[in-house]
Amino acid sequence: MTQTPAAAASADTDVVSPAPMTPSQYGVGARFTLSVYDSDYVRIILEALSAADASELTIETTDISTFVGGSEQRVLEFLRDVITTAARSGAHLSAGILLSRGCPGELACELPAGVAALGAAPIALAPAGVRARAHWSLYPLLDGGSTGDHMTPIYAAIADAKTAGVYSGSDHFATRLDGDLAELLEVAANGWIGVGGVVQHVTTHLTVSLNSPTKISDIG
């Protein structure tokens, strides 16, 4: 049977667009380790984890690190709150943070090769009220191999850090950041999100230090 033009047009309107991917389906999340250099570290860490709002998130803590899955905004809010609470103890602490999105092969994410990058709105974080220093590295992956242009978005992210006033210099394999903890996390996360708009799989890593007894002038 041949469809009339009107029937064909009606059939076209019945086509259902694929549902948008959730952050979990796209592999959005963080893995972080909080290290507290104080004899009361267990209490400080556990209280910081329990005090943070975990709504809309998947939280899995092991003896090595904690996984946080959810939207970019909620993941970064959780990290800010956990680290801030621990820092307010006054103890020297550091946090190793890995953010990842678009992983093509993972526990809850098996994206086919070539899937379009999933965009995300830039995050905005309220100030933490604690000063932090960090080493930050950004890694665009699956960008076309030797023909991929992965340095351009990295340089753009560093330029954004300078504009935000938290850029503190360059070290081997990392950019140094200095400022309010929330500002550092926001700049790093938005660089990660920005690259993620053009590259499917992108990760970023931060080593954050707070309440350090060592001053920059003490380092030779």
C-alpha atoms as a PDB file:
ATOM      1  CA  MET A   1       0.000   0.000   0.000  1.00  0.00           C
ATOM      2  CA  THR A   2       1.320   3.475  -0.903  1.00  0.00           C
ATOM      3  CA  GLN A   3       1.111   6.256   1.684  1.00  0.00           C
ATOM      4  CA  THR A   4      -0.359   9.593   0.698  1.00  0.00           C
ATOM      5  CA  PRO A   5       1.852  12.661   1.356  1.00  0.00           C
ATOM      6  CA  ALA A   6      -0.394  13.621   4.252  1.00  0.00           C
ATOM      7  CA  ALA A   7      -0.094  10.167   5.783  1.00  0.00           C
ATOM      8  CA  ALA A   8       3.672  10.211   5.353  1.00  0.00           C
ATOM      9  CA  ALA A   9       3.908  13.594   7.071  1.00  0.00           C
ATOM     10  CA  SER A  10       1.780  12.291   9.920  1.00  0.00           C
ATOM     11  CA  ALA A  11       4.039   9.241  10.263  1.00  0.00           C
ATOM     12  CA  ASP A  12       7.103  11.517  10.426  1.00  0.00           C
ATOM     13  CA  THR A  13       5.666  13.379  13.407  1.00  0.00           C
ATOM     14  CA  ASP A  14       5.350  10.091  15.279  1.00  0.00           C
ATOM     15  CA  VAL A  15       9.097   9.479  15.271  1.00  0.00           C
ATOM     16  CA  VAL A  16      10.341   9.490  18.850  1.00  0.00           C
ATOM     17  CA  SER A  17      13.658  11.217  19.481  1.00  0.00           C
ATOM     18  CA  PRO A  18      16.093   9.252  21.617  1.00  0.00           C
ATOM     19  CA  ALA A  19      15.963  10.171  25.286  1.00  0.00           C
ATOM     20  CA  PRO A  20      18.841  12.384  26.424  1.00  0.00           C
ATOM     21  CA  MET A  21      21.633  10.571  28.217  1.00  0.00           C
ATOM     22  CA  THR A  22      21.823  10.836  31.971  1.00  0.00           C
ATOM     23  CA  PRO A  23      25.162  11.720  33.623  1.00  0.00           C
ATOM     24  CA  SER A  24      25.396   8.094  34.763  1.00  0.00           C
ATOM     25  CA  GLN A  25      24.924   6.784  31.227  1.00  0.00           C
ATOM     26  CA  TYR A  26      27.597   9.157  29.961  1.00  0.00           C
ATOM     27  CA  GLY A  27      30.025   8.222  32.714  1.00  0.00           C
ATOM     28  CA  VAL A  28      30.141  11.546  34.577  1.00  0.00           C
ATOM     29  CA  GLY A  29      31.717  11.382  38.001  1.00  0.00           C
ATOM     30  CA  ALA A  30      34.680  11.796  40.292  1.00  0.00           C
ATOM     31  CA  ARG A  31      36.995   9.636  42.317  1.00  0.00           C
ATOM     32  CA  PHE A  32      38.809  11.309  45.170  1.00  0.00           C
ATOM     33  CA  THR A  33      40.991  10.526  48.141  1.00  0.00           C
ATOM     34  CA  LEU A  34      41.058  12.795  51.177  1.00  0.00           C
ATOM     35  CA  SER A  35      44.273  12.598  53.198  1.00  0.00           C
ATOM     36  CA  VAL A  36      44.354  14.280  56.617  1.00  0.00           C
ATOM     37  CA  TYR A  37      47.693  14.697  58.377  1.00  0.00           C
ATOM     38  CA  ASP A  38      46.374  14.529  61.909  1.00  0.00           C
ATOM     39  CA  SER A  39      46.059  11.728  64.481  1.00  0.00           C
ATOM     40  CA  ASP A  40      42.285  12.280  64.478  1.00  0.00           C
ATOM     41  CA  TYR A  41      42.054  11.739  60.713  1.00  0.00           C
ATOM     42  CA  VAL A  42      39.370   9.031  60.840  1.00  0.00           C
ATOM     43  CA  ARG A  43      36.863  11.264  62.592  1.00  0.00           C
ATOM     44  CA  ILE A  44      37.681  14.258  60.396  1.00  0.00           C
ATOM     45  CA  ILE A  45      37.234  12.298  57.167  1.00  0.00           C
ATOM     46  CA  LEU A  46      34.075  10.446  58.192  1.00  0.00           C
ATOM     47  CA  GLU A  47      32.402  13.558  59.570  1.00  0.00           C
ATOM     48  CA  ALA A  48      33.221  15.491  56.400  1.00  0.00           C
ATOM     49  CA  LEU A  49      31.716  12.760  54.228  1.00  0.00           C
ATOM     50  CA  SER A  50      28.573  12.424  56.327  1.00  0.00           C
ATOM     51  CA  ALA A  51      27.969  16.186  56.581  1.00  0.00           C
ATOM     52  CA  ALA A  52      27.888  16.780  52.810  1.00  0.00           C
ATOM     53  CA  ASP A  53      24.578  16.650  50.922  1.00  0.00           C
ATOM     54  CA  ALA A  54      24.599  13.418  48.898  1.00  0.00           C
ATOM     55  CA  SER A  55      21.181  13.871  47.251  1.00  0.00           C
ATOM     56  CA  GLU A  56      21.026  13.058  43.516  1.00  0.00           C
ATOM     57  CA  LEU A  57      24.428  11.376  43.780  1.00  0.00           C
ATOM     58  CA  THR A  58      25.822   7.866  43.843  1.00  0.00           C
ATOM     59  CA  ILE A  59      28.450   7.617  46.590  1.00  0.00           C
ATOM     60  CA  GLU A  60      30.689   4.582  46.983  1.00  0.00           C
ATOM     61  CA  THR A  61      33.493   4.727  49.551  1.00  0.00           C
ATOM     62  CA  THR A  62      36.173   2.038  49.778  1.00  0.00           C
ATOM     63  CA  ASP A  63      39.369   1.712  51.779  1.00  0.00           C
ATOM     64  CA  ILE A  64      41.199   3.520  48.947  1.00  0.00           C
ATOM     65  CA  SER A  65      38.958   6.292  47.660  1.00  0.00           C
ATOM     66  CA  THR A  66      35.411   7.556  47.186  1.00  0.00           C
ATOM     67  CA  PHE A  67      33.453   7.507  43.919  1.00  0.00           C
ATOM     68  CA  VAL A  68      30.881  10.254  43.320  1.00  0.00           C
ATOM     69  CA  GLY A  69      28.508   9.873  40.367  1.00  0.00           C
ATOM     70  CA  GLY A  70      25.944  12.424  39.207  1.00  0.00           C
ATOM     71  CA  SER A  71      25.636  15.702  37.343  1.00  0.00           C
ATOM     72  CA  GLU A  72      28.707  17.889  37.071  1.00  0.00           C
ATOM     73  CA  GLN A  73      27.168  20.557  39.315  1.00  0.00           C
ATOM     74  CA  ARG A  74      26.192  18.157  42.099  1.00  0.00           C
ATOM     75  CA  VAL A  75      29.498  16.276  41.983  1.00  0.00           C
ATOM     76  CA  LEU A  76      31.498  19.489  42.405  1.00  0.00           C
ATOM     77  CA  GLU A  77      29.222  20.781  45.162  1.00  0.00           C
ATOM     78  CA  PHE A  78      29.784  17.555  47.072  1.00  0.00           C
ATOM     79  CA  LEU A  79      33.559  17.730  46.670  1.00  0.00           C
ATOM     80  CA  ARG A  80      33.623  21.372  47.784  1.00  0.00           C
ATOM     81  CA  ASP A  81      31.560  20.605  50.884  1.00  0.00           C
ATOM     82  CA  VAL A  82      33.519  17.518  51.956  1.00  0.00           C
ATOM     83  CA  ILE A  83      36.916  19.195  51.571  1.00  0.00           C
ATOM     84  CA  THR A  84      35.724  22.434  53.185  1.00  0.00           C
ATOM     85  CA  THR A  85      34.364  20.647  56.255  1.00  0.00           C
ATOM     86  CA  ALA A  86      37.600  18.712  56.678  1.00  0.00           C
ATOM     87  CA  ALA A  87      39.700  21.864  56.207  1.00  0.00           C
ATOM     88  CA  ARG A  88      37.790  23.706  58.923  1.00  0.00           C
ATOM     89  CA  SER A  89      39.247  21.231  61.411  1.00  0.00           C
ATOM     90  CA  GLY A  90      42.495  23.170  60.996  1.00  0.00           C
ATOM     91  CA  ALA A  91      44.412  20.034  60.104  1.00  0.00           C
ATOM     92  CA  HIS A  92      46.760  19.956  57.136  1.00  0.00           C
ATOM     93  CA  LEU A  93      45.080  17.925  54.403  1.00  0.00           C
ATOM     94  CA  SER A  94      45.262  17.126  50.723  1.00  0.00           C
ATOM     95  CA  ALA A  95      42.730  15.816  48.239  1.00  0.00           C
ATOM     96  CA  GLY A  96      43.489  13.887  45.094  1.00  0.00           C
ATOM     97  CA  ILE A  97      40.585  14.397  42.672  1.00  0.00           C
ATOM     98  CA  LEU A  98      39.950  12.733  39.308  1.00  0.00           C
ATOM     99  CA  LEU A  99      36.985  13.964  37.249  1.00  0.00           C
ATOM    100  CA  SER A 100      35.916  11.925  34.223  1.00  0.00           C
ATOM    101  CA  ARG A 101      33.145  12.147  31.629  1.00  0.00           C
ATOM    102  CA  GLY A 102      32.350  10.239  28.438  1.00  0.00           C
ATOM    103  CA  CYS A 103      34.319   7.113  29.308  1.00  0.00           C
ATOM    104  CA  PRO A 104      33.703   4.574  26.488  1.00  0.00           C
ATOM    105  CA  GLY A 105      34.256   1.498  28.642  1.00  0.00           C
ATOM    106  CA  GLU A 106      33.467   1.523  32.352  1.00  0.00           C
ATOM    107  CA  LEU A 107      31.324  -0.141  35.009  1.00  0.00           C
ATOM    108  CA  ALA A 108      28.210   1.872  34.166  1.00  0.00           C
ATOM    109  CA  CYS A 109      29.199   3.372  30.827  1.00  0.00           C
ATOM    110  CA  GLU A 110      29.747   1.584  27.529  1.00  0.00           C
ATOM    111  CA  LEU A 111      29.465   4.304  24.908  1.00  0.00           C
ATOM    112  CA  PRO A 112      29.987   3.303  21.271  1.00  0.00           C
ATOM    113  CA  ALA A 113      32.960   4.802  19.465  1.00  0.00           C
ATOM    114  CA  GLY A 114      32.206   8.148  17.893  1.00  0.00           C
ATOM    115  CA  VAL A 115      29.246   9.046  20.096  1.00  0.00           C
ATOM    116  CA  ALA A 116      28.625  12.776  20.099  1.00  0.00           C
ATOM    117  CA  ALA A 117      29.991  14.668  23.082  1.00  0.00           C
ATOM    118  CA  LEU A 118      27.340  15.436  25.684  1.00  0.00           C
ATOM    119  CA  GLY A 119      27.336  19.095  26.608  1.00  0.00           C
ATOM    120  CA  ALA A 120      26.831  20.406  30.135  1.00  0.00           C
ATOM    121  CA  ALA A 121      26.158  23.818  31.574  1.00  0.00           C
ATOM    122  CA  PRO A 122      29.119  25.495  33.316  1.00  0.00           C
ATOM    123  CA  ILE A 123      29.054  25.017  37.058  1.00  0.00           C
ATOM    124  CA  ALA A 124      28.917  27.833  39.597  1.00  0.00           C
ATOM    125  CA  LEU A 125      30.000  27.265  43.194  1.00  0.00           C
ATOM    126  CA  ALA A 126      29.410  29.451  46.221  1.00  0.00           C
ATOM    127  CA  PRO A 127      32.669  30.398  47.980  1.00  0.00           C
ATOM    128  CA  ALA A 128      34.057  27.812  50.391  1.00  0.00           C
ATOM    129  CA  GLY A 129      35.763  30.303  52.652  1.00  0.00           C
ATOM    130  CA  VAL A 130      38.981  28.276  52.805  1.00  0.00           C
ATOM    131  CA  ARG A 131      42.152  28.923  50.838  1.00  0.00           C
ATOM    132  CA  ALA A 132      43.623  26.127  48.769  1.00  0.00           C
ATOM    133  CA  ARG A 133      46.533  25.497  46.430  1.00  0.00           C
ATOM    134  CA  ALA A 134      46.410  22.904  43.706  1.00  0.00           C
ATOM    135  CA  HIS A 135      48.223  21.261  40.844  1.00  0.00           C
ATOM    136  CA  TRP A 136      45.808  20.812  37.939  1.00  0.00           C
ATOM    137  CA  SER A 137      46.132  18.740  34.756  1.00  0.00           C
ATOM    138  CA  LEU A 138      43.566  18.379  31.943  1.00  0.00           C
ATOM    139  CA  TYR A 139      43.462  15.405  29.579  1.00  0.00           C
ATOM    140  CA  PRO A 140      41.279  15.379  26.426  1.00  0.00           C
ATOM    141  CA  LEU A 141      41.068  11.754  25.219  1.00  0.00           C
ATOM    142  CA  LEU A 142      39.797  10.213  21.970  1.00  0.00           C
ATOM    143  CA  ASP A 143      40.564  13.446  20.124  1.00  0.00           C
ATOM    144  CA  GLY A 144      41.765  11.896  16.875  1.00  0.00           C
ATOM    145  CA  GLY A 145      45.169  10.589  17.877  1.00  0.00           C
ATOM    146  CA  SER A 146      48.162  12.266  16.223  1.00  0.00           C
ATOM    147  CA  THR A 147      45.839  14.443  14.134  1.00  0.00           C
ATOM    148  CA  GLY A 148      43.764  15.627  17.096  1.00  0.00           C
ATOM    149  CA  ASP A 149      44.183  19.164  18.406  1.00  0.00           C
ATOM    150  CA  HIS A 150      44.137  18.650  22.162  1.00  0.00           C
ATOM    151  CA  MET A 151      46.422  21.504  23.204  1.00  0.00           C
ATOM    152  CA  THR A 152      44.118  24.300  22.013  1.00  0.00           C
ATOM    153  CA  PRO A 153      41.351  23.521  24.547  1.00  0.00           C
ATOM    154  CA  ILE A 154      43.971  23.016  27.281  1.00  0.00           C
ATOM    155  CA  TYR A 155      45.474  26.458  26.624  1.00  0.00           C
ATOM    156  CA  ALA A 156      41.957  27.930  26.583  1.00  0.00           C
ATOM    157  CA  ALA A 157      41.238  26.404  30.005  1.00  0.00           C
ATOM    158  CA  ILE A 158      44.509  27.826  31.393  1.00  0.00           C
ATOM    159  CA  ALA A 159      43.572  31.239  29.986  1.00  0.00           C
ATOM    160  CA  ASP A 160      40.257  31.001  31.836  1.00  0.00           C
ATOM    161  CA  ALA A 161      42.163  30.254  35.055  1.00  0.00           C
ATOM    162  CA  LYS A 162      44.213  33.416  34.513  1.00  0.00           C
ATOM    163  CA  THR A 163      41.055  35.457  33.897  1.00  0.00           C
ATOM    164  CA  ALA A 164      39.532  34.067  37.101  1.00  0.00           C
ATOM    165  CA  GLY A 165      42.610  35.175  39.035  1.00  0.00           C
ATOM    166  CA  VAL A 166      43.544  31.735  40.381  1.00  0.00           C
ATOM    167  CA  TYR A 167      46.430  30.928  38.014  1.00  0.00           C
ATOM    168  CA  SER A 168      49.665  30.760  40.017  1.00  0.00           C
ATOM    169  CA  GLY A 169      52.172  29.447  37.486  1.00  0.00           C
ATOM    170  CA  SER A 170      53.207  26.325  35.596  1.00  0.00           C
ATOM    171  CA  ASP A 171      55.098  23.329  36.933  1.00  0.00           C
ATOM    172  CA  HIS A 172      56.136  20.068  35.286  1.00  0.00           C
ATOM    173  CA  PHE A 173      52.984  18.328  33.975  1.00  0.00           C
ATOM    174  CA  ALA A 174      50.631  20.661  35.860  1.00  0.00           C
ATOM    175  CA  THR A 175      49.218  24.157  36.213  1.00  0.00           C
ATOM    176  CA  ARG A 176      49.376  25.668  39.680  1.00  0.00           C
ATOM    177  CA  LEU A 177      46.210  27.258  41.109  1.00  0.00           C
ATOM    178  CA  ASP A 178      45.792  29.337  44.269  1.00  0.00           C
ATOM    179  CA  GLY A 179      42.632  30.819  45.793  1.00  0.00           C
ATOM    180  CA  ASP A 180      39.345  29.955  47.449  1.00  0.00           C
ATOM    181  CA  LEU A 181      38.737  26.209  47.199  1.00  0.00           C
ATOM    182  CA  ALA A 182      35.453  26.747  45.342  1.00  0.00           C
ATOM    183  CA  GLU A 183      37.153  28.981  42.756  1.00  0.00           C
ATOM    184  CA  LEU A 184      39.803  26.343  42.076  1.00  0.00           C
ATOM    185  CA  LEU A 185      37.254  23.569  41.687  1.00  0.00           C
ATOM    186  CA  GLU A 186      35.043  25.736  39.494  1.00  0.00           C
ATOM    187  CA  VAL A 187      37.844  26.708  37.115  1.00  0.00           C
ATOM    188  CA  ALA A 188      39.119  23.131  36.800  1.00  0.00           C
ATOM    189  CA  ALA A 189      35.625  21.703  36.336  1.00  0.00           C
ATOM    190  CA  ASN A 190      34.598  24.250  33.722  1.00  0.00           C
ATOM    191  CA  GLY A 191      37.773  23.584  31.757  1.00  0.00           C
ATOM    192  CA  TRP A 192      36.874  19.879  31.921  1.00  0.00           C
ATOM    193  CA  ILE A 193      33.287  20.574  30.812  1.00  0.00           C
ATOM    194  CA  GLY A 194      34.401  22.905  28.029  1.00  0.00           C
ATOM    195  CA  VAL A 195      36.726  20.318  26.507  1.00  0.00           C
ATOM    196  CA  GLY A 196      33.980  17.734  27.007  1.00  0.00           C
ATOM    197  CA  GLY A 197      31.781  19.690  24.605  1.00  0.00           C
ATOM    198  CA  VAL A 198      34.093  18.808  21.698  1.00  0.00           C
ATOM    199  CA  VAL A 199      35.855  15.649  22.892  1.00  0.00           C
ATOM    200  CA  GLN A 200      33.863  12.642  24.067  1.00  0.00           C
ATOM    201  CA  HIS A 201      36.190  11.349  26.768  1.00  0.00           C
ATOM    202  CA  VAL A 202      37.966  13.887  28.969  1.00  0.00           C
ATOM    203  CA  THR A 203      39.495  13.682  32.429  1.00  0.00           C
ATOM    204  CA  THR A 204      41.052  16.229  34.743  1.00  0.00           C
ATOM    205  CA  HIS A 205      43.148  15.725  37.848  1.00  0.00           C
ATOM    206  CA  LEU A 206      43.781  17.956  40.844  1.00  0.00           C
ATOM    207  CA  THR A 207      46.030  17.589  43.855  1.00  0.00           C
ATOM    208  CA  VAL A 208      44.686  20.116  46.365  1.00  0.00           C
ATOM    209  CA  SER A 209      46.495  21.198  49.529  1.00  0.00           C
ATOM    210  CA  LEU A 210      44.920  23.099  52.442  1.00  0.00           C
ATOM    211  CA  ASN A 211      46.276  24.319  55.796  1.00  0.00           C
ATOM    212  CA  SER A 212      49.824  23.408  54.789  1.00  0.00           C
ATOM    213  CA  PRO A 213      52.495  24.306  57.351  1.00  0.00           C
ATOM    214  CA  THR A 214      54.935  24.809  54.484  1.00  0.00           C
ATOM    215  CA  LYS A 215      54.983  28.257  52.926  1.00  0.00           C
ATOM    216  CA  ILE A 216      55.984  28.854  49.326  1.00  0.00           C
ATOM    217  CA  SER A 217      59.000  30.869  50.542  1.00  0.00           C
ATOM    218  CA  ASP A 218      60.196  27.806  52.507  1.00  0.00           C
ATOM    219  CA  ILE A 219      60.535  25.712  49.348  1.00  0.00           C
ATOM    220  CA  GLY A 220      63.942  25.873  47.771  1.00  0.00           C
END
